[in-house]
Amino acid sequence: MPGETLIFFDELQEFPEIATALKFFKLDGRFDVICSGSLLGISYKRLESNSVGYKADYQMQSMDFEEFLWAKGYGGEAAEELLHHMKTGSPLPEILMKVYGGLFLDYCILGGMPAVVRQYIQSGTFEGTLTIQRQLLEDYKEDIRKYADGIYTFPYFCAFLLRDYLKTI
């Protein structure tokens, strides 16, 4: 129904002609459209047009620590308080240091993938989270292998993804 319909295209890299069609969906205006997928396998030579000016691109990433706190039920004031203490160099009260320090360690163990965090929050323990983390890694490996032309690139891909994070440590 016009105005009430969302069209979702997944694995856009498999169908580059959809990227060309986005302009026409925008001009038509009856439907909202969301596309997702990795850009690993997209063949830019097959794109007739990238619908420039008719789409908005968003880069999705795993949850950061602030989003992890939100998922755990902490309001925005928790992150603002932590940021204030970091900016001023003032120590957190001991009780808050224990609470936030423990939460940060949990976040470091879990990573920021929503499915892992959801399992942790629902169970109240780490039980089942390692299984989800391992499955996500296998899924990434499988996705990368589809486009790597037989070259095993996963370890290099991980290093590439971590390069910015390692600079800050």
Protein backbone atom coordinates (compact mmCIF):
# COMPACT_ATOMS: atom_id res chain seq x y z
CA MET A 1 0.00 0.00 0.00
CA PRO A 2 1.44 3.39 -0.90
CA GLY A 3 2.74 5.28 2.12
CA GLU A 4 2.49 2.17 4.32
CA THR A 5 4.82 -0.24 2.53
CA LEU A 6 8.50 -0.82 3.18
CA ILE A 7 10.48 -2.70 0.54
CA PHE A 8 13.65 -4.33 1.88
CA PHE A 9 16.37 -5.55 -0.49
CA ASP A 10 19.04 -7.69 1.20
CA GLU A 11 22.38 -8.70 -0.34
CA LEU A 12 22.39 -5.71 -2.69
CA GLN A 13 25.82 -6.75 -3.97
CA GLU A 14 24.16 -9.71 -5.71
CA PHE A 15 21.77 -7.43 -7.65
CA PRO A 16 23.52 -4.18 -8.64
CA GLU A 17 20.62 -3.27 -10.93
CA ILE A 18 18.63 -2.52 -7.75
CA ALA A 19 21.09 0.27 -6.96
CA THR A 20 20.17 1.81 -10.29
CA ALA A 21 16.44 1.46 -9.57
CA LEU A 22 16.62 3.35 -6.25
CA LYS A 23 16.27 6.67 -8.07
CA PHE A 24 12.95 5.57 -9.53
CA PHE A 25 11.63 4.42 -6.15
CA LYS A 26 12.51 7.84 -4.73
CA LEU A 27 10.89 9.69 -7.61
CA ASP A 28 7.78 7.49 -7.38
CA GLY A 29 7.52 8.27 -3.65
CA ARG A 30 4.92 5.62 -2.81
CA PHE A 31 7.24 3.22 -1.00
CA ASP A 32 10.05 3.38 1.52
CA VAL A 33 13.06 1.29 0.49
CA ILE A 34 15.92 -0.10 2.56
CA CYS A 35 18.84 -1.98 1.04
CA SER A 36 21.50 -3.89 2.89
CA GLY A 37 24.51 -5.98 2.11
CA SER A 38 28.25 -5.88 2.09
CA LEU A 39 30.04 -4.05 -0.66
CA LEU A 40 32.59 -6.86 -0.92
CA GLY A 41 31.18 -8.39 -4.06
CA ILE A 42 29.66 -5.44 -5.84
CA SER A 43 30.78 -5.06 -9.42
CA TYR A 44 30.83 -1.33 -10.04
CA LYS A 45 31.21 -1.97 -13.76
CA ARG A 46 27.70 -3.50 -13.73
CA LEU A 47 26.17 -0.40 -12.13
CA GLU A 48 24.52 1.82 -14.70
CA SER A 49 23.84 4.49 -12.10
CA ASN A 50 24.33 4.69 -8.34
CA SER A 51 21.21 6.85 -7.86
CA VAL A 52 23.34 9.80 -6.75
CA GLY A 53 21.21 12.34 -4.90
CA TYR A 54 18.29 9.93 -4.50
CA LYS A 55 19.50 7.82 -1.60
CA ALA A 56 21.14 8.12 1.79
CA ASP A 57 23.95 5.73 2.73
CA TYR A 58 24.53 4.60 6.29
CA GLN A 59 27.44 2.54 7.52
CA MET A 60 26.39 0.06 10.18
CA GLN A 61 28.81 -0.94 12.91
CA SER A 62 28.72 -2.99 16.04
CA MET A 63 27.49 -1.42 19.27
CA ASP A 64 29.85 0.90 21.10
CA PHE A 65 30.10 0.99 24.90
CA GLU A 66 27.48 3.74 25.21
CA GLU A 67 24.98 1.68 23.19
CA PHE A 68 25.86 -1.34 25.33
CA LEU A 69 24.96 0.69 28.42
CA TRP A 70 21.64 1.66 26.82
CA ALA A 71 20.93 -2.00 26.07
CA LYS A 72 21.63 -2.79 29.73
CA GLY A 73 19.05 -0.19 30.75
CA TYR A 74 21.34 2.71 31.65
CA GLY A 75 20.18 6.11 30.46
CA GLY A 76 22.19 8.65 28.52
CA GLU A 77 23.29 10.27 31.76
CA ALA A 78 25.56 7.28 32.53
CA ALA A 79 27.66 7.83 29.40
CA GLU A 80 27.63 11.59 29.95
CA GLU A 81 28.92 11.10 33.49
CA LEU A 82 31.73 8.85 32.27
CA LEU A 83 32.62 11.35 29.55
CA HIS A 84 32.64 14.20 32.06
CA HIS A 85 35.09 12.32 34.29
CA MET A 86 37.31 11.50 31.31
CA LYS A 87 37.35 15.12 30.10
CA THR A 88 38.06 16.60 33.52
CA GLY A 89 40.45 13.86 34.60
CA SER A 90 38.52 13.49 37.83
CA PRO A 91 38.22 9.99 39.29
CA LEU A 92 34.93 8.17 39.47
CA PRO A 93 33.65 7.36 42.93
CA GLU A 94 34.84 3.86 43.85
CA ILE A 95 31.39 2.26 43.64
CA LEU A 96 30.80 3.68 40.14
CA MET A 97 34.27 2.57 39.06
CA LYS A 98 33.42 -0.98 40.10
CA VAL A 99 30.06 -0.90 38.32
CA TYR A 100 31.22 0.73 35.09
CA GLY A 101 34.52 -1.15 35.13
CA GLY A 102 32.66 -4.44 35.38
CA LEU A 103 30.29 -3.43 32.60
CA PHE A 104 33.21 -2.41 30.40
CA LEU A 105 34.92 -5.76 30.94
CA ASP A 106 31.66 -7.51 30.00
CA TYR A 107 31.47 -5.36 26.87
CA CYS A 108 35.07 -6.23 25.97
CA ILE A 109 34.34 -9.95 26.32
CA LEU A 110 31.09 -9.77 24.36
CA GLY A 111 32.03 -7.32 21.65
CA GLY A 112 29.30 -5.17 20.25
CA MET A 113 27.34 -7.50 18.00
CA PRO A 114 23.66 -7.06 18.87
CA ALA A 115 22.79 -10.77 18.84
CA VAL A 116 25.53 -11.52 21.37
CA VAL A 117 24.55 -8.61 23.62
CA ARG A 118 20.88 -9.63 23.43
CA GLN A 119 21.72 -13.19 24.53
CA TYR A 120 23.81 -11.85 27.42
CA ILE A 121 21.04 -9.52 28.58
CA GLN A 122 18.26 -12.09 28.22
CA SER A 123 20.17 -14.81 30.07
CA GLY A 124 21.90 -12.52 32.57
CA THR A 125 25.09 -14.57 32.02
CA PHE A 126 27.63 -15.25 29.30
CA GLU A 127 25.98 -18.60 28.62
CA GLY A 128 25.38 -19.04 24.89
CA THR A 129 27.27 -15.93 23.86
CA LEU A 130 30.41 -17.76 22.72
CA THR A 131 28.32 -19.95 20.42
CA ILE A 132 26.81 -16.85 18.80
CA GLN A 133 30.24 -15.20 18.47
CA ARG A 134 31.65 -18.29 16.78
CA GLN A 135 28.69 -18.49 14.40
CA LEU A 136 29.12 -14.83 13.46
CA LEU A 137 32.79 -15.46 12.67
CA GLU A 138 31.88 -18.43 10.48
CA ASP A 139 29.26 -16.32 8.72
CA TYR A 140 31.84 -13.60 8.03
CA LYS A 141 34.31 -16.17 6.71
CA GLU A 142 31.69 -17.63 4.42
CA ASP A 143 30.66 -14.20 3.14
CA ILE A 144 34.27 -13.21 2.46
CA ARG A 145 35.06 -16.50 0.69
CA LYS A 146 32.25 -15.82 -1.79
CA TYR A 147 34.14 -12.82 -3.10
CA ALA A 148 37.80 -13.66 -2.46
CA ASP A 149 38.26 -15.86 -5.55
CA GLY A 150 39.72 -18.77 -3.61
CA ILE A 151 42.17 -16.69 -1.59
CA TYR A 152 41.89 -17.14 2.15
CA THR A 153 41.83 -13.52 3.30
CA PHE A 154 39.97 -13.66 6.60
CA PRO A 155 42.98 -13.07 8.92
CA TYR A 156 44.02 -10.09 6.79
CA PHE A 157 40.48 -8.78 6.75
CA CYS A 158 40.35 -8.93 10.57
CA ALA A 159 43.62 -7.03 10.80
CA PHE A 160 42.23 -4.43 8.40
CA LEU A 161 39.10 -3.99 10.54
CA LEU A 162 41.14 -3.68 13.74
CA ARG A 163 43.67 -1.16 12.43
CA ASP A 164 41.80 1.92 13.71
CA TYR A 165 41.02 0.33 17.07
CA LEU A 166 44.62 -0.70 17.64
CA LYS A 167 45.80 2.85 17.07
CA THR A 168 43.81 4.01 20.08
CA ILE A 169 45.16 1.43 22.51
